[in-house]
Structure formats: structure tokens, C-alpha cells
Amino acid sequence: MTQTIRNDPDNASFNEPILHGLTEVEFVKDILSTEAFGEPGLQQPLQGFETRILKRHLRKVVIDYPVLYIPALSFLMMEQAEGQPLREIFESRIDPGPYVKGTARWLARLHNSNIRLDGEFFRDDEIEASRRYANAGSWLLPTLKSDIQSISTQLIDAQKTLPLHARKPIHGDYHPRNIIVSPDLTTVIDFEEARMGDPAFDVGYFVAQTKMTHGLGDATVQAVEAFIQEYQENQPGIDPDLAQRAAVFEAQTYLQRIYHTYYLLALRPDFDLISEWLNECQDCLRKTQSRCPETGRRNQ
């Protein structure tokens, strides 16, 4: 149920009765709802109370906050983020190390928050997605069909035996283009794929997307290693299965990128690049297989 929020900007408080019973997501949706902005089609900036509460509520997880919403056009204007896309850092000669560490800390804060998102991705959904990516790739790239099917079989087997993890809020599309960085601030955009899921998804997805976009050179490899280490250091406790789960999701992301780039977007296949991605995918699956006995002992 949506409630209209209109209070004195100078007396903003989380103890306001109007906020009682609302989750973080419900409150944000309330601010961005048609009721909160009056009749559809009216252009109204956020009032002070709304921006204060929204920014204070999300103070540990920086996002661009809304400036203007036009419901009739489904148009949302956000503030300009401070910094530049992480992708540009990788493409320049700037050391990406400090920036990927900030990126890892941001992600750890999201995963450790108490936000509850509406959507949820279950194991069956993840397995079905892998089948879809592999089937499309096998059809589109017949010369690589046997390799793709072999990888798909290993990937799905790994997904079926993967230790289950408590569902946490995940971004769902966490890659360098969606991350705005400056020396002291990390801002993240594009939450269309956000849902409840395994936090290892975001970790593996970020690693794979970064490697595929920026190559497998030493600088990129060192950056993703720094990202993983910083992420782990910002967890409240040790997650013994994180590396295994992240490797599975990383492997899946290589197939997803092939599916998206060459099947959905119908770009001309670059077989050398695709083979490189499949090799990385295979390496990830080898890592998961080498960890399986150890994981099994831990879970007994």
C-alpha cells in the first residue's frame, strides 16, 4: 500500500509514524510512486523530507538519488554522480587498485544490509539460465558446439551440488560500466536486475565481466584479485564456500556474455575471443571441482 509522504523538511525523522511498517524498498518505491508525486503527469521535485530520509536511509550504500519523476512518461531523472565510470579507469593508465577496493566495499555493504527486495533468483532459475545460454550458443556456434555442451554439463552439475547460501540483496548487473568512482566515493547505478540471491553471484559476475571487457593482462587480473580480497575482508565472518560459489557464477557469466553479445545482439562472432572466454569458463569449473571434496567435508 502506498502512502503519501509530505512532512516538514526540518523535522525529518525515522520515527515518523508514516514510516512505521515500511521496509527500505517499500519506502523508496513510495517516494518514486505516482501518489507520492501527486497526479500523473505533474513534474514535482522531491521535497526536503523525502530526500533527507532517502539519503540518510541509504547512507552506507551510495546511489544517485532521484531529482525528478514524471510518471506519465516513466521518466526518472537522477543526480549526476561524482567521479567517472570504473570502466574508464581500466581503459586509462590509472592504477585501478584503489578504485576496485572501493567497489568491493560498496558491494559488501549491500550484501550485508537488511534490505529485502521483491524478486528472488532460485537455484532452478540459475540452472535454467545456464541451459538457455548453452543451447543458444550451441545453435549459433556449431563449430564450438561440443565445447559448449561439455562446459554446460559441468556447469549445471556444479550448480546442482553448490552449497546453498542465505539469500541477500544483490545488484544483478555489477560491472565496471555501472560503477562510478572517485578517490573517496563509489556510486552504483542500474538496479534493474536487483533481487534477492546468492551474494557470490555479484562477485563472480563482476570478475567475469571485468576480464571479458578489459582483457586478461596482469593489471586486470591483479585488480580482480584485489577486489575479491577486499570484499572478503569486509565480511562480518568467514564464508568458506564463497570462492567456490563465485567461480560457478563466473563460469556462467562467460556463457551469458556469449549469449547476449552474439545471440541477442546478433553481432558477428569473434571466434578467438569466444574461445578465450570458454577457456576461462573451463578454468573456473576446474577450480570448483578441485574444491568439491573439501567443501563436502565441511558440510558433513
C-alpha atoms as a PDB file:
ATOM      1  CA  MET A   1       0.000   0.000   0.000  1.00  0.00           C
ATOM      2  CA  THR A   2       1.362   3.401  -0.970  1.00  0.00           C
ATOM      3  CA  GLN A   3       1.202   6.332   1.421  1.00  0.00           C
ATOM      4  CA  THR A   4       1.770   9.961   0.550  1.00  0.00           C
ATOM      5  CA  ILE A   5       4.747  11.438   2.368  1.00  0.00           C
ATOM      6  CA  ARG A   6       4.588  15.173   2.975  1.00  0.00           C
ATOM      7  CA  ASN A   7       6.167  16.373   6.224  1.00  0.00           C
ATOM      8  CA  ASP A   8       8.193  19.317   7.455  1.00  0.00           C
ATOM      9  CA  PRO A   9      11.657  19.095   5.843  1.00  0.00           C
ATOM     10  CA  ASP A  10      13.243  20.464   9.000  1.00  0.00           C
ATOM     11  CA  ASN A  11      11.790  17.740  11.203  1.00  0.00           C
ATOM     12  CA  ALA A  12      12.681  14.619   9.239  1.00  0.00           C
ATOM     13  CA  SER A  13      12.931  11.571  11.448  1.00  0.00           C
ATOM     14  CA  PHE A  14      12.839   7.827  11.061  1.00  0.00           C
ATOM     15  CA  ASN A  15      10.403   7.807  13.970  1.00  0.00           C
ATOM     16  CA  GLU A  16       7.731   9.415  11.823  1.00  0.00           C
ATOM     17  CA  PRO A  17       4.533   7.315  12.170  1.00  0.00           C
ATOM     18  CA  ILE A  18       4.129   7.322   8.404  1.00  0.00           C
ATOM     19  CA  LEU A  19       7.302   5.234   8.070  1.00  0.00           C
ATOM     20  CA  HIS A  20       6.292   2.555  10.553  1.00  0.00           C
ATOM     21  CA  GLY A  21       5.937  -0.846   8.925  1.00  0.00           C
ATOM     22  CA  LEU A  22       7.681   0.177   5.706  1.00  0.00           C
ATOM     23  CA  THR A  23      10.752  -1.693   4.530  1.00  0.00           C
ATOM     24  CA  GLU A  24      13.589   0.140   2.809  1.00  0.00           C
ATOM     25  CA  VAL A  25      12.395  -0.934  -0.619  1.00  0.00           C
ATOM     26  CA  GLU A  26       8.771  -0.024   0.127  1.00  0.00           C
ATOM     27  CA  PHE A  27       9.866   3.417   1.260  1.00  0.00           C
ATOM     28  CA  VAL A  28      11.934   4.041  -1.862  1.00  0.00           C
ATOM     29  CA  LYS A  29       9.068   2.800  -4.019  1.00  0.00           C
ATOM     30  CA  ASP A  30       6.766   5.123  -2.107  1.00  0.00           C
ATOM     31  CA  ILE A  31       8.949   8.114  -2.903  1.00  0.00           C
ATOM     32  CA  LEU A  32       9.021   7.146  -6.583  1.00  0.00           C
ATOM     33  CA  SER A  33       5.309   6.332  -6.785  1.00  0.00           C
ATOM     34  CA  THR A  34       2.641   8.307  -8.600  1.00  0.00           C
ATOM     35  CA  GLU A  35       0.833   9.011  -5.332  1.00  0.00           C
ATOM     36  CA  ALA A  36       3.909  10.468  -3.725  1.00  0.00           C
ATOM     37  CA  PHE A  37       4.211  12.871  -6.621  1.00  0.00           C
ATOM     38  CA  GLY A  38       0.541  13.712  -6.980  1.00  0.00           C
ATOM     39  CA  GLU A  39      -1.414  13.305 -10.191  1.00  0.00           C
ATOM     40  CA  PRO A  40       0.294  11.515 -13.103  1.00  0.00           C
ATOM     41  CA  GLY A  41       1.964  13.927 -15.474  1.00  0.00           C
ATOM     42  CA  LEU A  42       2.839  16.546 -12.884  1.00  0.00           C
ATOM     43  CA  GLN A  43       6.521  17.402 -12.596  1.00  0.00           C
ATOM     44  CA  GLN A  44       7.487  17.806  -8.943  1.00  0.00           C
ATOM     45  CA  PRO A  45      10.942  17.727  -7.369  1.00  0.00           C
ATOM     46  CA  LEU A  46      11.450  15.691  -4.232  1.00  0.00           C
ATOM     47  CA  GLN A  47      10.672  17.598  -1.058  1.00  0.00           C
ATOM     48  CA  GLY A  48      13.251  18.071   1.643  1.00  0.00           C
ATOM     49  CA  PHE A  49      11.814  15.461   3.973  1.00  0.00           C
ATOM     50  CA  GLU A  50      11.913  12.816   1.268  1.00  0.00           C
ATOM     51  CA  THR A  51      15.472  13.470   0.137  1.00  0.00           C
ATOM     52  CA  ARG A  52      16.762  13.679   3.706  1.00  0.00           C
ATOM     53  CA  ILE A  53      15.189  10.389   4.713  1.00  0.00           C
ATOM     54  CA  LEU A  54      16.146   8.626   1.488  1.00  0.00           C
ATOM     55  CA  LYS A  55      19.781   9.718   1.613  1.00  0.00           C
ATOM     56  CA  ARG A  56      20.102   9.033   5.345  1.00  0.00           C
ATOM     57  CA  HIS A  57      18.500   5.621   4.959  1.00  0.00           C
ATOM     58  CA  LEU A  58      20.960   4.679   2.213  1.00  0.00           C
ATOM     59  CA  ARG A  59      23.972   6.474   3.659  1.00  0.00           C
ATOM     60  CA  LYS A  60      26.068   3.302   3.711  1.00  0.00           C
ATOM     61  CA  VAL A  61      25.248   2.348   0.132  1.00  0.00           C
ATOM     62  CA  VAL A  62      25.715   5.307  -2.208  1.00  0.00           C
ATOM     63  CA  ILE A  63      23.411   5.607  -5.199  1.00  0.00           C
ATOM     64  CA  ASP A  64      22.303   8.540  -7.319  1.00  0.00           C
ATOM     65  CA  TYR A  65      19.230   9.968  -5.634  1.00  0.00           C
ATOM     66  CA  PRO A  66      16.107  10.993  -7.582  1.00  0.00           C
ATOM     67  CA  VAL A  67      15.694  14.601  -8.631  1.00  0.00           C
ATOM     68  CA  LEU A  68      12.577  14.483 -10.802  1.00  0.00           C
ATOM     69  CA  TYR A  69       9.993  11.836 -11.664  1.00  0.00           C
ATOM     70  CA  ILE A  70       7.362  12.101 -14.435  1.00  0.00           C
ATOM     71  CA  PRO A  71       5.042   9.084 -14.048  1.00  0.00           C
ATOM     72  CA  ALA A  72       3.198   9.585 -17.341  1.00  0.00           C
ATOM     73  CA  LEU A  73       6.488   9.231 -19.221  1.00  0.00           C
ATOM     74  CA  SER A  74       8.042   6.660 -16.861  1.00  0.00           C
ATOM     75  CA  PHE A  75      10.897   9.167 -16.665  1.00  0.00           C
ATOM     76  CA  LEU A  76      13.224   9.371 -13.679  1.00  0.00           C
ATOM     77  CA  MET A  77      15.997  11.971 -13.500  1.00  0.00           C
ATOM     78  CA  MET A  78      18.866  11.231 -11.138  1.00  0.00           C
ATOM     79  CA  GLU A  79      21.582  13.467  -9.766  1.00  0.00           C
ATOM     80  CA  GLN A  80      24.929  13.414 -11.544  1.00  0.00           C
ATOM     81  CA  ALA A  81      27.310  11.022  -9.826  1.00  0.00           C
ATOM     82  CA  GLU A  82      30.709  12.201  -8.652  1.00  0.00           C
ATOM     83  CA  GLY A  83      33.647  10.634 -10.474  1.00  0.00           C
ATOM     84  CA  GLN A  84      33.930   8.564 -13.642  1.00  0.00           C
ATOM     85  CA  PRO A  85      32.902   5.044 -14.680  1.00  0.00           C
ATOM     86  CA  LEU A  86      35.229   2.364 -13.397  1.00  0.00           C
ATOM     87  CA  ARG A  87      35.461   1.175 -16.983  1.00  0.00           C
ATOM     88  CA  GLU A  88      37.283   4.402 -17.898  1.00  0.00           C
ATOM     89  CA  ILE A  89      39.747   3.819 -15.075  1.00  0.00           C
ATOM     90  CA  PHE A  90      40.592   0.424 -16.539  1.00  0.00           C
ATOM     91  CA  GLU A  91      40.968   1.931 -20.002  1.00  0.00           C
ATOM     92  CA  SER A  92      43.339   4.645 -18.766  1.00  0.00           C
ATOM     93  CA  ARG A  93      46.799   4.308 -17.255  1.00  0.00           C
ATOM     94  CA  ILE A  94      45.465   4.960 -13.776  1.00  0.00           C
ATOM     95  CA  ASP A  95      46.065   2.199 -11.234  1.00  0.00           C
ATOM     96  CA  PRO A  96      42.607   0.607 -10.759  1.00  0.00           C
ATOM     97  CA  GLY A  97      43.583  -0.972  -7.429  1.00  0.00           C
ATOM     98  CA  PRO A  98      42.226   1.688  -5.036  1.00  0.00           C
ATOM     99  CA  TYR A  99      39.041   2.022  -7.068  1.00  0.00           C
ATOM    100  CA  VAL A 100      38.220  -1.690  -7.209  1.00  0.00           C
ATOM    101  CA  LYS A 101      38.727  -1.851  -3.453  1.00  0.00           C
ATOM    102  CA  GLY A 102      36.087   0.842  -3.027  1.00  0.00           C
ATOM    103  CA  THR A 103      33.904  -1.115  -5.416  1.00  0.00           C
ATOM    104  CA  ALA A 104      34.332  -4.238  -3.271  1.00  0.00           C
ATOM    105  CA  ARG A 105      33.483  -2.367  -0.068  1.00  0.00           C
ATOM    106  CA  TRP A 106      30.309  -0.971  -1.651  1.00  0.00           C
ATOM    107  CA  LEU A 107      29.208  -4.455  -2.682  1.00  0.00           C
ATOM    108  CA  ALA A 108      29.955  -5.904   0.751  1.00  0.00           C
ATOM    109  CA  ARG A 109      27.782  -3.218   2.340  1.00  0.00           C
ATOM    110  CA  LEU A 110      24.912  -4.018   0.015  1.00  0.00           C
ATOM    111  CA  HIS A 111      25.140  -7.742   0.714  1.00  0.00           C
ATOM    112  CA  ASN A 112      25.292  -7.168   4.471  1.00  0.00           C
ATOM    113  CA  SER A 113      22.344  -4.777   4.546  1.00  0.00           C
ATOM    114  CA  ASN A 114      18.870  -5.715   5.774  1.00  0.00           C
ATOM    115  CA  ILE A 115      17.141  -4.600   2.578  1.00  0.00           C
ATOM    116  CA  ARG A 116      14.548  -7.061   1.290  1.00  0.00           C
ATOM    117  CA  LEU A 117      13.923  -6.964  -2.473  1.00  0.00           C
ATOM    118  CA  ASP A 118      10.782  -8.266  -4.154  1.00  0.00           C
ATOM    119  CA  GLY A 119      12.339 -10.637  -6.690  1.00  0.00           C
ATOM    120  CA  GLU A 120      14.336 -13.749  -5.876  1.00  0.00           C
ATOM    121  CA  PHE A 121      16.525 -15.982  -8.016  1.00  0.00           C
ATOM    122  CA  PHE A 122      16.481 -19.644  -7.009  1.00  0.00           C
ATOM    123  CA  ARG A 123      18.802 -22.492  -7.931  1.00  0.00           C
ATOM    124  CA  ASP A 124      16.358 -23.813 -10.538  1.00  0.00           C
ATOM    125  CA  ASP A 125      16.325 -20.364 -12.160  1.00  0.00           C
ATOM    126  CA  GLU A 126      20.119 -20.324 -12.300  1.00  0.00           C
ATOM    127  CA  ILE A 127      20.254 -23.793 -13.856  1.00  0.00           C
ATOM    128  CA  GLU A 128      17.603 -22.908 -16.424  1.00  0.00           C
ATOM    129  CA  ALA A 129      19.552 -19.772 -17.353  1.00  0.00           C
ATOM    130  CA  SER A 130      22.685 -21.870 -17.937  1.00  0.00           C
ATOM    131  CA  ARG A 131      20.739 -24.225 -20.203  1.00  0.00           C
ATOM    132  CA  ARG A 132      19.369 -21.286 -22.176  1.00  0.00           C
ATOM    133  CA  TYR A 133      22.798 -19.741 -22.691  1.00  0.00           C
ATOM    134  CA  ALA A 134      24.344 -23.062 -23.717  1.00  0.00           C
ATOM    135  CA  ASN A 135      21.540 -24.060 -26.096  1.00  0.00           C
ATOM    136  CA  ALA A 136      21.700 -20.716 -27.875  1.00  0.00           C
ATOM    137  CA  GLY A 137      25.486 -20.856 -28.089  1.00  0.00           C
ATOM    138  CA  SER A 138      25.464 -24.411 -29.446  1.00  0.00           C
ATOM    139  CA  TRP A 139      22.964 -23.463 -32.121  1.00  0.00           C
ATOM    140  CA  LEU A 140      24.738 -20.244 -33.079  1.00  0.00           C
ATOM    141  CA  LEU A 141      28.299 -21.612 -32.997  1.00  0.00           C
ATOM    142  CA  PRO A 142      28.160 -25.185 -34.374  1.00  0.00           C
ATOM    143  CA  THR A 143      31.958 -25.471 -34.599  1.00  0.00           C
ATOM    144  CA  LEU A 144      32.127 -24.908 -30.833  1.00  0.00           C
ATOM    145  CA  LYS A 145      29.046 -26.968 -30.018  1.00  0.00           C
ATOM    146  CA  SER A 146      30.880 -29.860 -28.365  1.00  0.00           C
ATOM    147  CA  ASP A 147      32.941 -27.492 -26.194  1.00  0.00           C
ATOM    148  CA  ILE A 148      29.887 -25.508 -25.146  1.00  0.00           C
ATOM    149  CA  GLN A 149      27.858 -28.620 -24.334  1.00  0.00           C
ATOM    150  CA  SER A 150      30.709 -30.092 -22.306  1.00  0.00           C
ATOM    151  CA  ILE A 151      31.066 -26.863 -20.343  1.00  0.00           C
ATOM    152  CA  SER A 152      27.304 -26.642 -19.887  1.00  0.00           C
ATOM    153  CA  THR A 153      27.149 -30.162 -18.434  1.00  0.00           C
ATOM    154  CA  GLN A 154      29.947 -29.395 -15.972  1.00  0.00           C
ATOM    155  CA  LEU A 155      28.401 -26.038 -15.056  1.00  0.00           C
ATOM    156  CA  ILE A 156      24.953 -27.453 -14.356  1.00  0.00           C
ATOM    157  CA  ASP A 157      26.436 -30.317 -12.333  1.00  0.00           C
ATOM    158  CA  ALA A 158      28.346 -27.747 -10.284  1.00  0.00           C
ATOM    159  CA  GLN A 159      25.213 -25.651  -9.790  1.00  0.00           C
ATOM    160  CA  LYS A 160      23.237 -28.670  -8.582  1.00  0.00           C
ATOM    161  CA  THR A 161      25.828 -29.507  -5.920  1.00  0.00           C
ATOM    162  CA  LEU A 162      26.671 -25.939  -4.936  1.00  0.00           C
ATOM    163  CA  PRO A 163      26.232 -25.229  -1.202  1.00  0.00           C
ATOM    164  CA  LEU A 164      23.104 -23.174  -0.655  1.00  0.00           C
ATOM    165  CA  HIS A 165      23.593 -19.727   0.830  1.00  0.00           C
ATOM    166  CA  ALA A 166      21.189 -17.385   2.568  1.00  0.00           C
ATOM    167  CA  ARG A 167      19.545 -15.022   0.084  1.00  0.00           C
ATOM    168  CA  LYS A 168      20.821 -11.460   0.297  1.00  0.00           C
ATOM    169  CA  PRO A 169      20.123  -8.325  -1.760  1.00  0.00           C
ATOM    170  CA  ILE A 170      22.246  -8.475  -4.908  1.00  0.00           C
ATOM    171  CA  HIS A 171      22.755  -5.919  -7.665  1.00  0.00           C
ATOM    172  CA  GLY A 172      22.476  -8.407 -10.509  1.00  0.00           C
ATOM    173  CA  ASP A 173      24.422  -6.376 -13.092  1.00  0.00           C
ATOM    174  CA  TYR A 174      27.539  -5.355 -11.195  1.00  0.00           C
ATOM    175  CA  HIS A 175      30.215  -4.443 -13.734  1.00  0.00           C
ATOM    176  CA  PRO A 176      32.606  -1.507 -14.359  1.00  0.00           C
ATOM    177  CA  ARG A 177      30.207   0.449 -16.563  1.00  0.00           C
ATOM    178  CA  ASN A 178      27.616   0.606 -13.774  1.00  0.00           C
ATOM    179  CA  ILE A 179      30.083   1.773 -11.131  1.00  0.00           C
ATOM    180  CA  ILE A 180      31.089   5.438 -10.792  1.00  0.00           C
ATOM    181  CA  VAL A 181      34.261   6.001  -8.812  1.00  0.00           C
ATOM    182  CA  SER A 182      36.307   8.824  -7.347  1.00  0.00           C
ATOM    183  CA  PRO A 183      39.178   8.591  -4.839  1.00  0.00           C
ATOM    184  CA  ASP A 184      36.848   8.770  -1.837  1.00  0.00           C
ATOM    185  CA  LEU A 185      33.454   7.707  -3.178  1.00  0.00           C
ATOM    186  CA  THR A 186      31.835   4.815  -5.026  1.00  0.00           C
ATOM    187  CA  THR A 187      28.403   5.249  -6.601  1.00  0.00           C
ATOM    188  CA  VAL A 188      26.460   2.472  -8.313  1.00  0.00           C
ATOM    189  CA  ILE A 189      23.711   2.742 -10.937  1.00  0.00           C
ATOM    190  CA  ASP A 190      21.325   0.482 -12.877  1.00  0.00           C
ATOM    191  CA  PHE A 191      19.396  -1.644 -10.408  1.00  0.00           C
ATOM    192  CA  GLU A 192      17.027  -3.218 -12.941  1.00  0.00           C
ATOM    193  CA  GLU A 193      18.320  -6.724 -12.167  1.00  0.00           C
ATOM    194  CA  ALA A 194      18.456  -6.245  -8.390  1.00  0.00           C
ATOM    195  CA  ARG A 195      16.813  -9.057  -6.426  1.00  0.00           C
ATOM    196  CA  MET A 196      17.414 -11.487  -3.587  1.00  0.00           C
ATOM    197  CA  GLY A 197      20.063 -14.067  -4.405  1.00  0.00           C
ATOM    198  CA  ASP A 198      23.438 -15.548  -3.577  1.00  0.00           C
ATOM    199  CA  PRO A 199      25.956 -12.717  -2.950  1.00  0.00           C
ATOM    200  CA  ALA A 200      28.566 -14.789  -4.787  1.00  0.00           C
ATOM    201  CA  PHE A 201      26.654 -14.036  -7.991  1.00  0.00           C
ATOM    202  CA  ASP A 202      27.709 -10.370  -7.920  1.00  0.00           C
ATOM    203  CA  VAL A 203      31.309 -11.328  -7.127  1.00  0.00           C
ATOM    204  CA  GLY A 204      31.638 -13.866  -9.937  1.00  0.00           C
ATOM    205  CA  TYR A 205      29.726 -11.661 -12.367  1.00  0.00           C
ATOM    206  CA  PHE A 206      31.972  -8.664 -11.693  1.00  0.00           C
ATOM    207  CA  VAL A 207      35.138 -10.730 -12.139  1.00  0.00           C
ATOM    208  CA  ALA A 208      33.995 -12.270 -15.432  1.00  0.00           C
ATOM    209  CA  GLN A 209      32.659  -9.033 -16.909  1.00  0.00           C
ATOM    210  CA  THR A 210      35.838  -7.176 -15.972  1.00  0.00           C
ATOM    211  CA  LYS A 211      38.048  -9.822 -17.585  1.00  0.00           C
ATOM    212  CA  MET A 212      35.930 -10.012 -20.734  1.00  0.00           C
ATOM    213  CA  THR A 213      35.829  -6.247 -21.203  1.00  0.00           C
ATOM    214  CA  HIS A 214      39.377  -5.353 -20.193  1.00  0.00           C
ATOM    215  CA  GLY A 215      41.316  -8.476 -21.095  1.00  0.00           C
ATOM    216  CA  LEU A 216      43.378 -10.983 -19.167  1.00  0.00           C
ATOM    217  CA  GLY A 217      46.510  -8.884 -18.716  1.00  0.00           C
ATOM    218  CA  ASP A 218      48.351  -8.643 -15.417  1.00  0.00           C
ATOM    219  CA  ALA A 219      46.731  -5.327 -14.464  1.00  0.00           C
ATOM    220  CA  THR A 220      43.206  -6.704 -14.860  1.00  0.00           C
ATOM    221  CA  VAL A 221      43.962  -9.979 -13.086  1.00  0.00           C
ATOM    222  CA  GLN A 222      45.604  -8.149 -10.175  1.00  0.00           C
ATOM    223  CA  ALA A 223      42.638  -5.776  -9.976  1.00  0.00           C
ATOM    224  CA  VAL A 224      40.043  -8.554  -9.718  1.00  0.00           C
ATOM    225  CA  GLU A 225      42.193 -10.349  -7.141  1.00  0.00           C
ATOM    226  CA  ALA A 226      42.326  -7.136  -5.100  1.00  0.00           C
ATOM    227  CA  PHE A 227      38.548  -6.822  -5.486  1.00  0.00           C
ATOM    228  CA  ILE A 228      37.929 -10.322  -4.117  1.00  0.00           C
ATOM    229  CA  GLN A 229      40.356  -9.879  -1.228  1.00  0.00           C
ATOM    230  CA  GLU A 230      38.844  -6.527  -0.221  1.00  0.00           C
ATOM    231  CA  TYR A 231      35.332  -7.963  -0.457  1.00  0.00           C
ATOM    232  CA  GLN A 232      36.252 -10.863   1.835  1.00  0.00           C
ATOM    233  CA  GLU A 233      37.951  -8.549   4.332  1.00  0.00           C
ATOM    234  CA  ASN A 234      34.743  -6.526   4.602  1.00  0.00           C
ATOM    235  CA  GLN A 235      32.573  -9.501   5.529  1.00  0.00           C
ATOM    236  CA  PRO A 236      31.434  -9.920   9.151  1.00  0.00           C
ATOM    237  CA  GLY A 237      32.676 -13.521   9.155  1.00  0.00           C
ATOM    238  CA  ILE A 238      34.421 -16.136   7.045  1.00  0.00           C
ATOM    239  CA  ASP A 239      32.384 -17.538   4.155  1.00  0.00           C
ATOM    240  CA  PRO A 240      34.207 -20.826   3.420  1.00  0.00           C
ATOM    241  CA  ASP A 241      32.272 -21.530   0.223  1.00  0.00           C
ATOM    242  CA  LEU A 242      32.463 -18.053  -1.325  1.00  0.00           C
ATOM    243  CA  ALA A 243      35.324 -18.806  -3.729  1.00  0.00           C
ATOM    244  CA  GLN A 244      33.636 -21.963  -4.997  1.00  0.00           C
ATOM    245  CA  ARG A 245      30.242 -20.318  -5.498  1.00  0.00           C
ATOM    246  CA  ALA A 246      31.774 -17.227  -7.119  1.00  0.00           C
ATOM    247  CA  ALA A 247      33.729 -19.424  -9.550  1.00  0.00           C
ATOM    248  CA  VAL A 248      30.499 -21.135 -10.635  1.00  0.00           C
ATOM    249  CA  PHE A 249      28.784 -17.806 -11.243  1.00  0.00           C
ATOM    250  CA  GLU A 250      31.859 -16.503 -13.030  1.00  0.00           C
ATOM    251  CA  ALA A 251      31.735 -19.515 -15.357  1.00  0.00           C
ATOM    252  CA  GLN A 252      28.055 -18.918 -16.047  1.00  0.00           C
ATOM    253  CA  THR A 253      28.716 -15.258 -16.846  1.00  0.00           C
ATOM    254  CA  TYR A 254      31.048 -16.145 -19.718  1.00  0.00           C
ATOM    255  CA  LEU A 255      28.232 -18.141 -21.326  1.00  0.00           C
ATOM    256  CA  GLN A 256      25.785 -15.335 -20.599  1.00  0.00           C
ATOM    257  CA  ARG A 257      28.010 -12.778 -22.332  1.00  0.00           C
ATOM    258  CA  ILE A 258      28.304 -15.019 -25.409  1.00  0.00           C
ATOM    259  CA  TYR A 259      24.525 -15.422 -25.401  1.00  0.00           C
ATOM    260  CA  HIS A 260      23.866 -11.705 -25.020  1.00  0.00           C
ATOM    261  CA  THR A 261      26.501 -10.444 -27.466  1.00  0.00           C
ATOM    262  CA  TYR A 262      26.201 -12.916 -30.299  1.00  0.00           C
ATOM    263  CA  TYR A 263      22.701 -14.354 -29.941  1.00  0.00           C
ATOM    264  CA  LEU A 264      20.562 -11.477 -28.681  1.00  0.00           C
ATOM    265  CA  LEU A 265      22.535  -8.587 -30.199  1.00  0.00           C
ATOM    266  CA  ALA A 266      23.439 -10.684 -33.261  1.00  0.00           C
ATOM    267  CA  LEU A 267      26.961  -9.284 -33.541  1.00  0.00           C
ATOM    268  CA  ARG A 268      29.398 -11.082 -35.804  1.00  0.00           C
ATOM    269  CA  PRO A 269      31.082 -13.821 -33.755  1.00  0.00           C
ATOM    270  CA  ASP A 270      34.712 -13.283 -32.812  1.00  0.00           C
ATOM    271  CA  PHE A 271      35.809 -16.905 -32.508  1.00  0.00           C
ATOM    272  CA  ASP A 272      39.189 -16.128 -30.986  1.00  0.00           C
ATOM    273  CA  LEU A 273      37.551 -14.058 -28.268  1.00  0.00           C
ATOM    274  CA  ILE A 274      34.796 -16.606 -27.686  1.00  0.00           C
ATOM    275  CA  SER A 275      37.369 -19.396 -27.363  1.00  0.00           C
ATOM    276  CA  GLU A 276      39.249 -17.296 -24.821  1.00  0.00           C
ATOM    277  CA  TRP A 277      36.076 -16.846 -22.792  1.00  0.00           C
ATOM    278  CA  LEU A 278      35.282 -20.554 -22.956  1.00  0.00           C
ATOM    279  CA  ASN A 279      38.796 -21.332 -21.713  1.00  0.00           C
ATOM    280  CA  GLU A 280      38.255 -19.021 -18.748  1.00  0.00           C
ATOM    281  CA  CYS A 281      34.919 -20.700 -18.143  1.00  0.00           C
ATOM    282  CA  GLN A 282      36.613 -24.097 -18.119  1.00  0.00           C
ATOM    283  CA  ASP A 283      39.271 -22.851 -15.697  1.00  0.00           C
ATOM    284  CA  CYS A 284      36.542 -21.704 -13.299  1.00  0.00           C
ATOM    285  CA  LEU A 285      34.900 -25.115 -13.397  1.00  0.00           C
ATOM    286  CA  ARG A 286      38.230 -26.827 -12.680  1.00  0.00           C
ATOM    287  CA  LYS A 287      38.539 -24.662  -9.576  1.00  0.00           C
ATOM    288  CA  THR A 288      35.096 -25.711  -8.381  1.00  0.00           C
ATOM    289  CA  GLN A 289      35.884 -29.387  -8.981  1.00  0.00           C
ATOM    290  CA  SER A 290      39.130 -29.149  -7.031  1.00  0.00           C
ATOM    291  CA  ARG A 291      37.241 -27.614  -4.107  1.00  0.00           C
ATOM    292  CA  CYS A 292      34.341 -30.079  -4.073  1.00  0.00           C
ATOM    293  CA  PRO A 293      35.895 -32.728  -1.789  1.00  0.00           C
ATOM    294  CA  GLU A 294      36.956 -30.073   0.704  1.00  0.00           C
ATOM    295  CA  THR A 295      33.509 -28.491   0.597  1.00  0.00           C
ATOM    296  CA  GLY A 296      31.867 -31.850   1.071  1.00  0.00           C
ATOM    297  CA  ARG A 297      33.861 -32.479   4.251  1.00  0.00           C
ATOM    298  CA  ARG A 298      32.907 -29.105   5.638  1.00  0.00           C
ATOM    299  CA  ASN A 299      29.220 -29.776   5.069  1.00  0.00           C
ATOM    300  CA  GLN A 300      29.190 -33.210   6.717  1.00  0.00           C
END
